[in-house]
Amino acid sequence: MQGFKRKLVYASLFEALAIVFTTVGLTVFAGHDSSHSWAAAVASSTIAFLWNFVFNGLFERWEARQPRRGRSFGRRAVHAIGFEGGLVMMLVPLFAWWLDISLWDALVLDFGLIVFFMIYTYLFNLLFDRIFGLPSSALPLESQPVQAKPAAPIAGAR
């Protein structure tokens, strides 16, 4: 599975599970009722869903230009840290506003989610790639389809 379909399936599965984990985390660790936590989880998941498309598109574009192909531990770790780091910058202000707490308190609250989601992102990607295969950006060059180039014009031909 490649392209837009891969990104849609990936982001949908990732965020559906993320809503469950975030709701439970906010309910248990922040002491908010589950309906309030669920609404915050859906809002944060919507942002994460959109960020997923942007970040993964940029990551795969970068990855396609790398001389080493495949997804090593290091590359998966960079992916997880980059995705979660960008998401934190968007979600901490949202949690501060939604839960009516300071940015610092929101960052502290989000820290537990950050650690959890770094591990979750890494493992989810590992399983997703094992089930659906690597994206074309990570496949060895010899296994990618070759696109024919138009023939050069013959000198003197009209």
N, C-alpha and C. Protein backbone atom coordinates (compact mmCIF):
# COMPACT_ATOMS: atom_id res chain seq x y z
N MET A 1 0.86 -1.17 0.00
CA MET A 1 0.00 0.00 0.00
C MET A 1 0.91 1.24 0.00
N GLN A 2 0.62 2.17 -0.90
CA GLN A 2 1.47 3.35 -1.05
C GLN A 2 0.61 4.60 -1.21
N GLY A 3 1.27 5.74 -1.19
CA GLY A 3 0.64 7.01 -1.50
C GLY A 3 -0.40 7.47 -0.49
N PHE A 4 -1.40 8.17 -1.03
CA PHE A 4 -2.43 8.78 -0.18
C PHE A 4 -3.19 7.74 0.63
N LYS A 5 -3.51 6.60 0.01
CA LYS A 5 -4.25 5.54 0.71
C LYS A 5 -3.47 5.08 1.95
N ARG A 6 -2.17 4.90 1.80
CA ARG A 6 -1.33 4.49 2.93
C ARG A 6 -1.39 5.52 4.04
N LYS A 7 -1.25 6.80 3.67
CA LYS A 7 -1.27 7.87 4.66
C LYS A 7 -2.62 7.95 5.38
N LEU A 8 -3.70 7.76 4.63
CA LEU A 8 -5.04 7.82 5.22
C LEU A 8 -5.27 6.67 6.20
N VAL A 9 -4.92 5.46 5.80
CA VAL A 9 -5.08 4.29 6.69
C VAL A 9 -4.20 4.45 7.92
N TYR A 10 -2.95 4.86 7.70
CA TYR A 10 -2.01 5.05 8.80
C TYR A 10 -2.54 6.05 9.81
N ALA A 11 -2.88 7.24 9.34
CA ALA A 11 -3.32 8.31 10.24
C ALA A 11 -4.63 7.95 10.94
N SER A 12 -5.55 7.31 10.23
CA SER A 12 -6.83 6.93 10.83
C SER A 12 -6.65 5.92 11.96
N LEU A 13 -5.89 4.87 11.70
CA LEU A 13 -5.64 3.86 12.74
C LEU A 13 -4.88 4.46 13.92
N PHE A 14 -3.84 5.23 13.61
CA PHE A 14 -3.01 5.83 14.65
C PHE A 14 -3.86 6.71 15.56
N GLU A 15 -4.68 7.57 14.98
CA GLU A 15 -5.45 8.53 15.77
C GLU A 15 -6.64 7.90 16.48
N ALA A 16 -7.24 6.87 15.91
CA ALA A 16 -8.34 6.19 16.62
C ALA A 16 -7.83 5.61 17.94
N LEU A 17 -6.67 4.96 17.88
CA LEU A 17 -6.08 4.44 19.11
C LEU A 17 -5.62 5.57 20.03
N ALA A 18 -5.11 6.64 19.44
CA ALA A 18 -4.63 7.78 20.24
C ALA A 18 -5.77 8.42 21.04
N ILE A 19 -6.96 8.49 20.47
CA ILE A 19 -8.11 9.06 21.19
C ILE A 19 -8.39 8.24 22.45
N VAL A 20 -8.36 6.93 22.31
CA VAL A 20 -8.60 6.06 23.47
C VAL A 20 -7.53 6.29 24.53
N PHE A 21 -6.26 6.26 24.12
CA PHE A 21 -5.16 6.42 25.08
C PHE A 21 -5.18 7.79 25.74
N THR A 22 -5.44 8.84 24.97
CA THR A 22 -5.45 10.20 25.52
C THR A 22 -6.61 10.39 26.48
N THR A 23 -7.78 9.88 26.13
CA THR A 23 -8.94 9.99 27.01
C THR A 23 -8.65 9.32 28.35
N VAL A 24 -8.12 8.13 28.30
CA VAL A 24 -7.79 7.41 29.54
C VAL A 24 -6.73 8.17 30.32
N GLY A 25 -5.69 8.64 29.64
CA GLY A 25 -4.61 9.37 30.31
C GLY A 25 -5.09 10.64 30.99
N LEU A 26 -5.90 11.45 30.29
CA LEU A 26 -6.40 12.69 30.88
C LEU A 26 -7.38 12.41 32.02
N THR A 27 -8.17 11.37 31.88
CA THR A 27 -9.13 11.03 32.94
C THR A 27 -8.41 10.54 34.19
N VAL A 28 -7.47 9.63 34.01
CA VAL A 28 -6.78 9.03 35.15
C VAL A 28 -5.76 9.98 35.77
N PHE A 29 -4.90 10.59 34.94
CA PHE A 29 -3.78 11.36 35.47
C PHE A 29 -4.09 12.82 35.72
N ALA A 30 -5.07 13.40 35.00
CA ALA A 30 -5.38 14.82 35.20
C ALA A 30 -6.62 14.99 36.06
N GLY A 31 -7.34 13.91 36.31
CA GLY A 31 -8.50 13.98 37.18
C GLY A 31 -9.72 14.65 36.56
N HIS A 32 -9.77 14.75 35.25
CA HIS A 32 -10.94 15.34 34.59
C HIS A 32 -11.94 14.23 34.27
N ASP A 33 -13.22 14.63 34.16
CA ASP A 33 -14.22 13.61 33.83
C ASP A 33 -13.98 13.12 32.40
N SER A 34 -14.47 11.93 32.13
CA SER A 34 -14.16 11.29 30.85
C SER A 34 -14.73 12.04 29.65
N SER A 35 -15.89 12.70 29.79
CA SER A 35 -16.45 13.42 28.64
C SER A 35 -15.59 14.64 28.30
N HIS A 36 -15.09 15.34 29.32
CA HIS A 36 -14.20 16.48 29.11
C HIS A 36 -12.88 16.00 28.51
N SER A 37 -12.37 14.89 29.02
CA SER A 37 -11.13 14.32 28.52
C SER A 37 -11.29 13.82 27.09
N TRP A 38 -12.44 13.20 26.80
CA TRP A 38 -12.70 12.70 25.45
C TRP A 38 -12.73 13.85 24.46
N ALA A 39 -13.37 14.96 24.81
CA ALA A 39 -13.43 16.11 23.90
C ALA A 39 -12.03 16.67 23.64
N ALA A 40 -11.20 16.76 24.67
CA ALA A 40 -9.82 17.22 24.49
C ALA A 40 -9.04 16.22 23.63
N ALA A 41 -9.30 14.94 23.83
CA ALA A 41 -8.62 13.91 23.04
C ALA A 41 -9.00 14.00 21.57
N VAL A 42 -10.28 14.22 21.29
CA VAL A 42 -10.73 14.34 19.90
C VAL A 42 -10.14 15.59 19.24
N ALA A 43 -10.13 16.71 19.98
CA ALA A 43 -9.54 17.94 19.44
C ALA A 43 -8.05 17.75 19.16
N SER A 44 -7.34 17.16 20.12
CA SER A 44 -5.90 16.96 19.92
C SER A 44 -5.63 15.94 18.82
N SER A 45 -6.50 14.96 18.71
CA SER A 45 -6.33 13.94 17.69
C SER A 45 -6.59 14.51 16.29
N THR A 46 -7.52 15.44 16.19
CA THR A 46 -7.78 16.09 14.90
C THR A 46 -6.55 16.86 14.45
N ILE A 47 -5.94 17.59 15.38
CA ILE A 47 -4.71 18.32 15.07
C ILE A 47 -3.61 17.33 14.69
N ALA A 48 -3.49 16.26 15.46
CA ALA A 48 -2.47 15.25 15.19
C ALA A 48 -2.70 14.57 13.84
N PHE A 49 -3.96 14.33 13.49
CA PHE A 49 -4.29 13.70 12.21
C PHE A 49 -3.77 14.55 11.06
N LEU A 50 -4.04 15.85 11.13
CA LEU A 50 -3.57 16.76 10.08
C LEU A 50 -2.04 16.86 10.08
N TRP A 51 -1.45 16.95 11.27
CA TRP A 51 0.00 17.01 11.40
C TRP A 51 0.64 15.74 10.85
N ASN A 52 -0.03 14.59 11.03
CA ASN A 52 0.45 13.32 10.51
C ASN A 52 0.69 13.41 9.01
N PHE A 53 -0.27 13.95 8.27
CA PHE A 53 -0.14 14.07 6.82
C PHE A 53 1.02 15.00 6.46
N VAL A 54 1.09 16.13 7.12
CA VAL A 54 2.15 17.10 6.83
C VAL A 54 3.52 16.51 7.17
N PHE A 55 3.67 16.04 8.40
CA PHE A 55 4.97 15.54 8.84
C PHE A 55 5.42 14.34 8.03
N ASN A 56 4.53 13.35 7.84
CA ASN A 56 4.93 12.16 7.11
C ASN A 56 5.26 12.46 5.65
N GLY A 57 4.55 13.41 5.06
CA GLY A 57 4.89 13.82 3.70
C GLY A 57 6.29 14.41 3.63
N LEU A 58 6.60 15.30 4.58
CA LEU A 58 7.94 15.91 4.64
C LEU A 58 9.01 14.86 4.96
N PHE A 59 8.70 13.99 5.92
CA PHE A 59 9.67 12.95 6.31
C PHE A 59 9.97 12.02 5.14
N GLU A 60 8.94 11.57 4.44
CA GLU A 60 9.15 10.65 3.33
C GLU A 60 9.87 11.33 2.17
N ARG A 61 9.64 12.62 1.98
CA ARG A 61 10.36 13.37 0.95
C ARG A 61 11.86 13.41 1.31
N TRP A 62 12.15 13.69 2.59
CA TRP A 62 13.54 13.68 3.05
C TRP A 62 14.14 12.27 2.93
N GLU A 63 13.37 11.29 3.37
CA GLU A 63 13.83 9.91 3.39
C GLU A 63 14.17 9.41 1.98
N ALA A 64 13.39 9.81 1.00
CA ALA A 64 13.61 9.37 -0.37
C ALA A 64 14.94 9.87 -0.93
N ARG A 65 15.46 10.96 -0.38
CA ARG A 65 16.73 11.53 -0.86
C ARG A 65 17.95 10.96 -0.13
N GLN A 66 17.74 10.10 0.85
CA GLN A 66 18.85 9.56 1.62
C GLN A 66 19.51 8.40 0.88
N PRO A 67 20.84 8.31 0.95
CA PRO A 67 21.52 7.21 0.24
C PRO A 67 21.24 5.84 0.85
N ARG A 68 21.03 5.79 2.16
CA ARG A 68 20.70 4.52 2.82
C ARG A 68 19.20 4.35 2.82
N ARG A 69 18.76 3.20 2.37
CA ARG A 69 17.33 2.92 2.31
C ARG A 69 16.94 2.05 3.50
N GLY A 70 15.64 1.94 3.74
CA GLY A 70 15.15 1.14 4.85
C GLY A 70 14.86 2.01 6.06
N ARG A 71 14.36 1.39 7.09
CA ARG A 71 14.01 2.10 8.32
C ARG A 71 14.74 1.47 9.49
N SER A 72 15.86 2.04 9.81
CA SER A 72 16.67 1.57 10.94
C SER A 72 16.06 2.07 12.24
N PHE A 73 16.61 1.59 13.36
CA PHE A 73 16.17 2.08 14.67
C PHE A 73 16.35 3.60 14.73
N GLY A 74 17.50 4.08 14.28
CA GLY A 74 17.78 5.52 14.32
C GLY A 74 16.79 6.33 13.50
N ARG A 75 16.47 5.86 12.31
CA ARG A 75 15.52 6.59 11.46
C ARG A 75 14.13 6.57 12.08
N ARG A 76 13.74 5.45 12.66
CA ARG A 76 12.43 5.38 13.32
C ARG A 76 12.40 6.29 14.54
N ALA A 77 13.50 6.36 15.27
CA ALA A 77 13.58 7.24 16.45
C ALA A 77 13.49 8.71 16.02
N VAL A 78 14.19 9.09 14.96
CA VAL A 78 14.11 10.46 14.44
C VAL A 78 12.68 10.78 14.04
N HIS A 79 12.02 9.83 13.39
CA HIS A 79 10.63 10.03 12.98
C HIS A 79 9.74 10.27 14.20
N ALA A 80 9.85 9.41 15.20
CA ALA A 80 9.00 9.53 16.40
C ALA A 80 9.26 10.84 17.13
N ILE A 81 10.53 11.22 17.30
CA ILE A 81 10.88 12.45 18.00
C ILE A 81 10.41 13.68 17.22
N GLY A 82 10.62 13.66 15.92
CA GLY A 82 10.19 14.79 15.09
C GLY A 82 8.68 14.98 15.09
N PHE A 83 7.97 13.87 14.94
CA PHE A 83 6.51 13.96 14.94
C PHE A 83 5.99 14.47 16.27
N GLU A 84 6.43 13.84 17.35
CA GLU A 84 5.94 14.22 18.68
C GLU A 84 6.39 15.62 19.07
N GLY A 85 7.61 16.01 18.69
CA GLY A 85 8.09 17.35 19.01
C GLY A 85 7.24 18.43 18.37
N GLY A 86 6.90 18.25 17.10
CA GLY A 86 6.03 19.21 16.42
C GLY A 86 4.64 19.24 17.03
N LEU A 87 4.16 18.08 17.39
CA LEU A 87 2.83 17.99 17.97
C LEU A 87 2.75 18.67 19.34
N VAL A 88 3.79 18.52 20.13
CA VAL A 88 3.83 19.16 21.45
C VAL A 88 3.68 20.67 21.32
N MET A 89 4.36 21.25 20.33
CA MET A 89 4.29 22.70 20.15
C MET A 89 2.87 23.17 19.84
N MET A 90 2.07 22.28 19.26
CA MET A 90 0.69 22.64 18.96
C MET A 90 -0.27 22.30 20.10
N LEU A 91 0.00 21.20 20.80
CA LEU A 91 -0.97 20.71 21.79
C LEU A 91 -0.85 21.32 23.17
N VAL A 92 0.34 21.72 23.58
CA VAL A 92 0.49 22.29 24.92
C VAL A 92 -0.41 23.52 25.08
N PRO A 93 -0.40 24.47 24.14
CA PRO A 93 -1.33 25.61 24.28
C PRO A 93 -2.81 25.18 24.29
N LEU A 94 -3.14 24.18 23.48
CA LEU A 94 -4.52 23.68 23.46
C LEU A 94 -4.91 23.12 24.82
N PHE A 95 -4.07 22.26 25.40
CA PHE A 95 -4.38 21.69 26.71
C PHE A 95 -4.46 22.76 27.79
N ALA A 96 -3.57 23.76 27.73
CA ALA A 96 -3.61 24.84 28.72
C ALA A 96 -4.95 25.56 28.66
N TRP A 97 -5.39 25.87 27.46
CA TRP A 97 -6.67 26.58 27.29
C TRP A 97 -7.84 25.67 27.67
N TRP A 98 -7.85 24.45 27.13
CA TRP A 98 -8.98 23.54 27.32
C TRP A 98 -9.17 23.16 28.78
N LEU A 99 -8.07 22.92 29.47
CA LEU A 99 -8.14 22.48 30.86
C LEU A 99 -8.01 23.63 31.85
N ASP A 100 -7.88 24.85 31.32
CA ASP A 100 -7.76 26.07 32.13
C ASP A 100 -6.60 25.97 33.13
N ILE A 101 -5.42 25.66 32.59
CA ILE A 101 -4.20 25.55 33.39
C ILE A 101 -3.10 26.36 32.71
N SER A 102 -2.00 26.57 33.41
CA SER A 102 -0.88 27.33 32.84
C SER A 102 -0.18 26.51 31.75
N LEU A 103 0.59 27.21 30.91
CA LEU A 103 1.37 26.50 29.89
C LEU A 103 2.34 25.51 30.54
N TRP A 104 2.94 25.92 31.66
CA TRP A 104 3.86 25.02 32.36
C TRP A 104 3.13 23.76 32.83
N ASP A 105 1.96 23.95 33.45
CA ASP A 105 1.19 22.79 33.92
C ASP A 105 0.76 21.91 32.74
N ALA A 106 0.42 22.55 31.63
CA ALA A 106 0.05 21.78 30.44
C ALA A 106 1.24 20.99 29.90
N LEU A 107 2.43 21.61 29.94
CA LEU A 107 3.63 20.90 29.48
C LEU A 107 3.95 19.72 30.40
N VAL A 108 3.82 19.93 31.70
CA VAL A 108 4.07 18.84 32.66
C VAL A 108 3.05 17.72 32.42
N LEU A 109 1.79 18.09 32.26
CA LEU A 109 0.75 17.09 31.98
C LEU A 109 1.05 16.37 30.68
N ASP A 110 1.43 17.14 29.67
CA ASP A 110 1.70 16.58 28.36
C ASP A 110 2.96 15.72 28.35
N PHE A 111 3.85 15.94 29.31
CA PHE A 111 5.10 15.17 29.34
C PHE A 111 4.83 13.67 29.41
N GLY A 112 3.91 13.26 30.26
CA GLY A 112 3.56 11.84 30.35
C GLY A 112 3.01 11.32 29.03
N LEU A 113 2.17 12.14 28.39
CA LEU A 113 1.65 11.76 27.08
C LEU A 113 2.76 11.72 26.04
N ILE A 114 3.70 12.67 26.15
CA ILE A 114 4.82 12.72 25.20
C ILE A 114 5.63 11.43 25.27
N VAL A 115 6.00 11.04 26.47
CA VAL A 115 6.80 9.83 26.65
C VAL A 115 6.02 8.62 26.13
N PHE A 116 4.76 8.53 26.51
CA PHE A 116 3.94 7.42 26.05
C PHE A 116 3.85 7.41 24.52
N PHE A 117 3.56 8.57 23.93
CA PHE A 117 3.35 8.61 22.48
C PHE A 117 4.64 8.48 21.68
N MET A 118 5.78 8.81 22.26
CA MET A 118 7.05 8.53 21.56
C MET A 118 7.20 7.02 21.39
N ILE A 119 6.95 6.30 22.47
CA ILE A 119 7.04 4.84 22.41
C ILE A 119 5.94 4.28 21.51
N TYR A 120 4.73 4.78 21.68
CA TYR A 120 3.59 4.35 20.86
C TYR A 120 3.87 4.60 19.38
N THR A 121 4.38 5.79 19.03
CA THR A 121 4.65 6.13 17.64
C THR A 121 5.68 5.18 17.05
N TYR A 122 6.74 4.93 17.80
CA TYR A 122 7.79 4.02 17.32
C TYR A 122 7.21 2.63 17.06
N LEU A 123 6.51 2.08 18.06
CA LEU A 123 5.96 0.72 17.93
C LEU A 123 4.86 0.64 16.88
N PHE A 124 4.01 1.66 16.81
CA PHE A 124 2.95 1.67 15.81
C PHE A 124 3.55 1.64 14.41
N ASN A 125 4.58 2.47 14.17
CA ASN A 125 5.23 2.50 12.86
C ASN A 125 5.87 1.17 12.52
N LEU A 126 6.51 0.57 13.50
CA LEU A 126 7.15 -0.72 13.29
C LEU A 126 6.11 -1.77 12.87
N LEU A 127 5.01 -1.85 13.61
CA LEU A 127 3.95 -2.81 13.29
C LEU A 127 3.26 -2.47 11.97
N PHE A 128 2.98 -1.19 11.75
CA PHE A 128 2.32 -0.78 10.51
C PHE A 128 3.17 -1.17 9.30
N ASP A 129 4.47 -0.91 9.37
CA ASP A 129 5.36 -1.25 8.26
C ASP A 129 5.46 -2.76 8.07
N ARG A 130 5.40 -3.52 9.16
CA ARG A 130 5.45 -4.99 9.03
C ARG A 130 4.17 -5.52 8.39
N ILE A 131 3.03 -4.92 8.74
CA ILE A 131 1.75 -5.38 8.21
C ILE A 131 1.53 -4.91 6.77
N PHE A 132 1.79 -3.62 6.51
CA PHE A 132 1.48 -3.04 5.20
C PHE A 132 2.70 -2.84 4.31
N GLY A 133 3.88 -3.15 4.80
CA GLY A 133 5.10 -2.95 4.01
C GLY A 133 5.62 -1.53 4.15
N LEU A 134 6.87 -1.34 3.76
CA LEU A 134 7.49 -0.03 3.84
C LEU A 134 6.93 0.91 2.78
N PRO A 135 6.94 2.21 3.07
CA PRO A 135 6.55 3.16 2.02
C PRO A 135 7.63 3.17 0.94
N SER A 136 7.28 3.62 -0.25
CA SER A 136 8.25 3.62 -1.35
C SER A 136 9.50 4.42 -1.01
N SER A 137 9.37 5.43 -0.15
CA SER A 137 10.54 6.24 0.22
C SER A 137 11.59 5.45 0.98
N ALA A 138 11.22 4.32 1.56
CA ALA A 138 12.15 3.52 2.35
C ALA A 138 12.57 2.23 1.64
N LEU A 139 11.95 1.95 0.49
CA LEU A 139 12.28 0.72 -0.24
C LEU A 139 13.63 0.86 -0.93
N PRO A 140 14.36 -0.25 -1.07
CA PRO A 140 15.60 -0.20 -1.84
C PRO A 140 15.30 0.28 -3.26
N LEU A 141 16.21 1.03 -3.83
CA LEU A 141 15.98 1.61 -5.15
C LEU A 141 15.67 0.56 -6.21
N GLU A 142 16.32 -0.61 -6.13
CA GLU A 142 16.10 -1.64 -7.15
C GLU A 142 14.71 -2.26 -7.08
N SER A 143 13.99 -2.09 -5.99
CA SER A 143 12.65 -2.68 -5.88
C SER A 143 11.56 -1.69 -6.26
N GLN A 144 11.94 -0.46 -6.58
CA GLN A 144 10.95 0.54 -6.98
C GLN A 144 10.72 0.46 -8.48
N PRO A 145 9.48 0.74 -8.90
CA PRO A 145 9.20 0.70 -10.33
C PRO A 145 10.02 1.76 -11.07
N VAL A 146 10.53 1.37 -12.21
CA VAL A 146 11.31 2.30 -13.03
C VAL A 146 10.37 2.97 -14.01
N GLN A 147 10.45 4.29 -14.05
CA GLN A 147 9.61 5.02 -14.99
C GLN A 147 10.41 5.28 -16.25
N ALA A 148 9.82 4.96 -17.38
CA ALA A 148 10.50 5.17 -18.65
C ALA A 148 10.63 6.66 -18.92
N LYS A 149 11.81 7.03 -19.43
CA LYS A 149 12.04 8.42 -19.81
C LYS A 149 11.79 8.53 -21.30
N PRO A 150 11.28 9.68 -21.74
CA PRO A 150 11.06 9.83 -23.18
C PRO A 150 12.40 9.75 -23.92
N ALA A 151 12.36 9.15 -25.09
CA ALA A 151 13.58 9.02 -25.88
C ALA A 151 14.05 10.39 -26.35
N ALA A 152 15.36 10.53 -26.43
CA ALA A 152 15.93 11.78 -26.93
C ALA A 152 15.64 11.88 -28.42
N PRO A 153 15.40 13.09 -28.90
CA PRO A 153 15.12 13.22 -30.34
C PRO A 153 16.34 12.80 -31.16
N ILE A 154 16.07 12.21 -32.29
CA ILE A 154 17.15 11.78 -33.19
C ILE A 154 17.62 13.00 -33.96
N ALA A 155 18.93 13.16 -34.00
CA ALA A 155 19.49 14.32 -34.69
C ALA A 155 19.08 14.30 -36.15
N GLY A 156 18.62 15.42 -36.63
CA GLY A 156 18.24 15.56 -38.04
C GLY A 156 16.83 15.09 -38.34
N ALA A 157 16.11 14.50 -37.37
CA ALA A 157 14.74 14.02 -37.61
C ALA A 157 13.77 15.18 -37.50
N ARG A 158 12.73 15.13 -38.34
CA ARG A 158 11.72 16.19 -38.31
C ARG A 158 10.40 15.68 -37.86
